[in-house]
Amino acid sequence: RDTSADSRFDSQIDRETNFSTRNVLAVPVRQVEGRVIGVIEALNKQNGASFDAVDEQLLCAVAGVVTEMDSFGELVQEMIREDEEVHAGDEQMEDMRDQLLVEYGEAEPDQLTDEGFS
């Protein structure tokens, strides 16, 4: 869109940054569930041209990739949390093992290390 003809465009940032925004193409970035989590904008198409339907399709495709990256990031974070929970359980099991070794006389407390019984 031509920013000079769009009442939604606020030229204050252009004045503050000494930039001239001639046209803008903006598409939402959505989570897989559809909730908008951001916007991707393209500014000032080259050679003074206006953005067209092909540009919009391309920017929508980019927004789709960002959505997939966001979903992947959430999956990675969940895997990290689960891994931390498993390792917390490992530490508890090791502590219990060490206590049993000492209780049953299989090891002295000073023989136990982080890697187990030495």
Protein backbone atom coordinates (compact mmCIF):
# COMPACT_ATOMS: atom_id res chain seq x y z
CA ARG A 1 0.00 0.00 0.00
CA ASP A 2 0.99 3.54 -0.70
CA THR A 3 1.59 5.03 2.74
CA SER A 4 0.65 8.56 1.66
CA ALA A 5 -2.90 7.35 0.94
CA ASP A 6 -3.30 5.22 4.07
CA SER A 7 -4.66 6.90 7.20
CA ARG A 8 -3.32 4.02 9.35
CA PHE A 9 0.29 4.92 8.56
CA ASP A 10 2.04 7.00 11.21
CA SER A 11 4.91 8.96 9.65
CA GLN A 12 6.40 9.85 13.06
CA ILE A 13 8.94 7.00 12.87
CA ASP A 14 10.00 8.12 9.39
CA ARG A 15 10.64 11.62 10.72
CA GLU A 16 12.58 10.32 13.73
CA THR A 17 14.73 7.97 11.65
CA ASN A 18 15.04 10.14 8.53
CA PHE A 19 13.59 7.25 6.49
CA SER A 20 10.99 7.52 3.76
CA THR A 21 8.42 4.73 3.72
CA ARG A 22 6.73 4.75 0.34
CA ASN A 23 4.78 1.51 0.57
CA VAL A 24 4.19 -1.29 3.05
CA LEU A 25 3.10 -4.91 2.80
CA ALA A 26 2.24 -6.56 6.12
CA VAL A 27 1.04 -10.07 6.92
CA PRO A 28 0.25 -11.66 10.28
CA VAL A 29 2.35 -14.40 11.83
CA ARG A 30 0.04 -16.86 13.52
CA GLN A 31 0.52 -19.78 15.83
CA VAL A 32 -0.68 -23.10 14.47
CA GLU A 33 -3.90 -22.59 16.47
CA GLY A 34 -4.48 -19.31 14.60
CA ARG A 35 -3.59 -16.76 17.31
CA VAL A 36 -1.64 -13.81 15.91
CA ILE A 37 1.83 -13.61 17.51
CA GLY A 38 3.41 -11.00 15.27
CA VAL A 39 3.56 -9.27 11.91
CA ILE A 40 6.07 -9.38 9.08
CA GLU A 41 6.42 -6.22 7.04
CA ALA A 42 8.11 -5.46 3.76
CA LEU A 43 8.90 -1.80 3.04
CA ASN A 44 9.58 0.09 -0.16
CA LYS A 45 9.48 -2.35 -3.04
CA GLN A 46 12.49 -1.84 -5.29
CA ASN A 47 12.40 0.46 -8.33
CA GLY A 48 9.48 2.44 -6.90
CA ALA A 49 6.98 -0.29 -7.78
CA SER A 50 4.01 -1.25 -5.62
CA PHE A 51 3.66 -4.58 -3.87
CA ASP A 52 1.39 -7.02 -5.71
CA ALA A 53 -0.37 -10.35 -5.10
CA VAL A 54 2.81 -12.31 -5.80
CA ASP A 55 4.66 -10.30 -3.15
CA GLU A 56 1.82 -10.97 -0.72
CA GLN A 57 1.93 -14.72 -1.42
CA LEU A 58 5.68 -14.75 -0.88
CA LEU A 59 5.44 -12.85 2.40
CA CYS A 60 2.63 -15.16 3.55
CA ALA A 61 4.91 -18.12 2.80
CA VAL A 62 7.64 -16.53 4.92
CA ALA A 63 5.11 -16.02 7.73
CA GLY A 64 4.24 -19.72 7.43
CA VAL A 65 7.90 -20.66 7.88
CA VAL A 66 8.09 -18.43 10.96
CA THR A 67 4.99 -20.20 12.32
CA GLU A 68 6.67 -23.57 11.81
CA MET A 69 9.85 -22.31 13.47
CA ASP A 70 7.80 -21.07 16.44
CA SER A 71 6.10 -24.47 16.73
CA PHE A 72 9.45 -26.23 16.47
CA GLY A 73 10.88 -23.94 19.15
CA GLU A 74 8.00 -24.80 21.47
CA LEU A 75 8.60 -28.50 20.81
CA VAL A 76 12.31 -28.14 21.59
CA GLN A 77 11.52 -26.28 24.83
CA GLU A 78 9.13 -29.07 25.86
CA MET A 79 11.80 -31.69 25.12
CA ILE A 80 14.31 -29.75 27.23
CA ARG A 81 11.84 -29.56 30.14
CA GLU A 82 11.16 -33.29 29.92
CA ASP A 83 14.90 -34.05 29.77
CA GLU A 84 15.48 -31.91 32.87
CA GLU A 85 12.71 -33.79 34.68
CA VAL A 86 14.26 -37.13 33.74
CA HIS A 87 17.69 -35.99 34.95
CA ALA A 88 16.18 -34.71 38.20
CA GLY A 89 14.75 -38.22 38.66
CA ASP A 90 18.17 -39.71 37.88
CA GLU A 91 19.75 -37.66 40.66
CA GLN A 92 17.10 -38.81 43.13
CA MET A 93 17.71 -42.44 42.12
CA GLU A 94 21.46 -42.01 42.55
CA ASP A 95 20.95 -40.51 46.02
CA MET A 96 18.71 -43.43 46.99
CA ARG A 97 21.26 -45.93 45.61
CA ASP A 98 24.04 -44.27 47.61
CA GLN A 99 21.97 -44.37 50.79
CA LEU A 100 21.25 -48.06 50.29
CA LEU A 101 24.91 -48.85 49.61
CA VAL A 102 25.88 -47.18 52.87
CA GLU A 103 22.97 -48.74 54.82
CA TYR A 104 23.84 -52.26 53.69
CA GLY A 105 27.55 -51.79 54.27
CA GLU A 106 28.49 -52.02 50.61
CA ALA A 107 30.17 -48.60 50.68
CA GLU A 108 31.41 -46.01 53.10
CA PRO A 109 30.08 -42.44 52.70
CA ASP A 110 33.55 -41.18 51.73
CA GLN A 111 33.70 -43.72 48.88
CA LEU A 112 30.69 -42.21 47.08
CA THR A 113 31.25 -39.73 44.26
CA ASP A 114 29.01 -38.06 41.70
CA GLU A 115 29.77 -40.98 39.37
CA GLY A 116 28.84 -43.50 42.04
CA PHE A 117 30.87 -45.82 44.20
CA SER A 118 34.66 -45.68 43.92
